[in-house]
Every structure is written in C-alpha cells, then in structure tokens.
Protein backbone atom coordinates (compact mmCIF):
# COMPACT_ATOMS: atom_id res chain seq x y z
CA MET A 1 60.90 166.30 76.76
CA PHE A 2 62.34 163.03 75.42
CA THR A 3 60.73 163.55 72.03
CA GLN A 4 62.24 167.04 71.73
CA ILE A 5 65.70 165.64 72.42
CA LEU A 6 65.09 162.77 70.01
CA THR A 7 64.00 165.11 67.20
CA MET A 8 67.23 167.06 67.62
CA VAL A 9 69.61 164.13 67.94
CA LEU A 10 68.06 161.58 65.58
CA PRO A 11 68.95 163.33 62.29
CA VAL A 12 72.59 163.57 63.36
CA LEU A 13 72.70 159.90 64.33
CA VAL A 14 71.05 158.89 61.05
CA MET A 15 73.65 160.85 59.07
CA ILE A 16 76.50 159.24 61.03
CA VAL A 17 75.11 155.76 60.39
CA LEU A 18 74.48 156.55 56.73
CA GLY A 19 78.05 157.78 56.30
CA ARG A 20 79.42 154.67 57.96
CA VAL A 21 77.29 152.41 55.76
CA CYS A 22 78.54 154.22 52.65
CA ALA A 23 82.14 153.83 53.78
CA VAL A 24 81.88 150.15 54.64
CA THR A 25 79.96 149.11 51.54
CA GLY A 26 82.15 151.16 49.20
CA ILE A 27 79.34 153.31 47.82
CA LEU A 28 81.64 156.34 47.95
CA ASN A 29 85.23 156.22 46.77
CA ASP A 30 88.00 158.46 48.13
CA GLU A 31 87.55 161.10 45.43
CA GLN A 32 83.82 161.43 46.10
CA HIS A 33 84.47 161.54 49.84
CA THR A 34 86.92 164.42 49.37
CA GLY A 35 84.42 166.29 47.20
CA ILE A 36 81.63 165.94 49.75
CA LYS A 37 83.99 167.04 52.53
CA ASN A 38 84.96 170.15 50.54
CA ILE A 39 81.33 171.07 49.84
CA ILE A 40 80.42 170.71 53.51
CA GLY A 41 83.44 172.59 54.81
CA ASN A 42 83.56 175.38 52.26
CA ILE A 43 79.87 176.01 51.53
CA LEU A 44 77.37 174.37 53.87
CA LEU A 45 79.04 175.02 57.23
CA PRO A 46 79.49 178.77 56.67
CA VAL A 47 75.88 179.04 55.47
CA VAL A 48 74.57 177.23 58.56
CA LEU A 49 76.69 179.36 60.90
CA PHE A 50 75.63 182.58 59.20
CA ASN A 51 71.98 181.51 59.38
CA ALA A 52 72.26 180.64 63.10
CA LEU A 53 73.97 183.92 63.95
CA LEU A 54 71.57 185.99 61.89
CA PHE A 55 68.42 184.47 63.33
CA GLY A 56 69.87 184.49 66.84
CA PHE A 57 70.57 188.19 66.46
CA LEU A 58 67.14 188.90 64.98
CA ILE A 59 65.33 187.00 67.72
CA SER A 60 67.27 188.73 70.50
CA ALA A 61 66.71 192.12 68.87
CA ALA A 62 62.98 191.44 68.50
CA GLU A 63 62.71 190.35 72.14
CA LYS A 64 64.55 193.50 73.22
CA TYR A 65 62.31 195.89 71.32
CA LEU A 66 59.03 194.07 71.89
CA ALA A 67 59.49 193.65 75.64
C-alpha cells in the first residue's frame, strides 16, 4: 500500500525539487522558464488530459461490454 502511494507521489516530488534547484542555482533564466511553461501549458497538459479521458472511457466501455 505504502509503495503504491510512493510510486505515484515520488515523481511529482522529484520534479518539484528539481524545479526549485534549477531556480535557486540559476540554471534556467526567465526566458527559458517562460518557454517551458508555455510548452507544458499548451502542449503537454492537453495531451495528458486527452490520454486520461480516452483511456478512462475505453476501460469503462470494455468493463461494460465484457461484464
């Protein structure tokens, strides 16, 4: 149970820490930060949402017809 939660939460925490380290050490400047934010908001987030909705729909439809 704990390992399942950890495998879901750990990647998010690692990305938060990595982003903070990049901000504090100055690895990313403001222009790069804006570019990454635009890529995430305009491309990656819609793709992830579409993927989640599609597979959620497919799984529920498969369970409905196979049951």
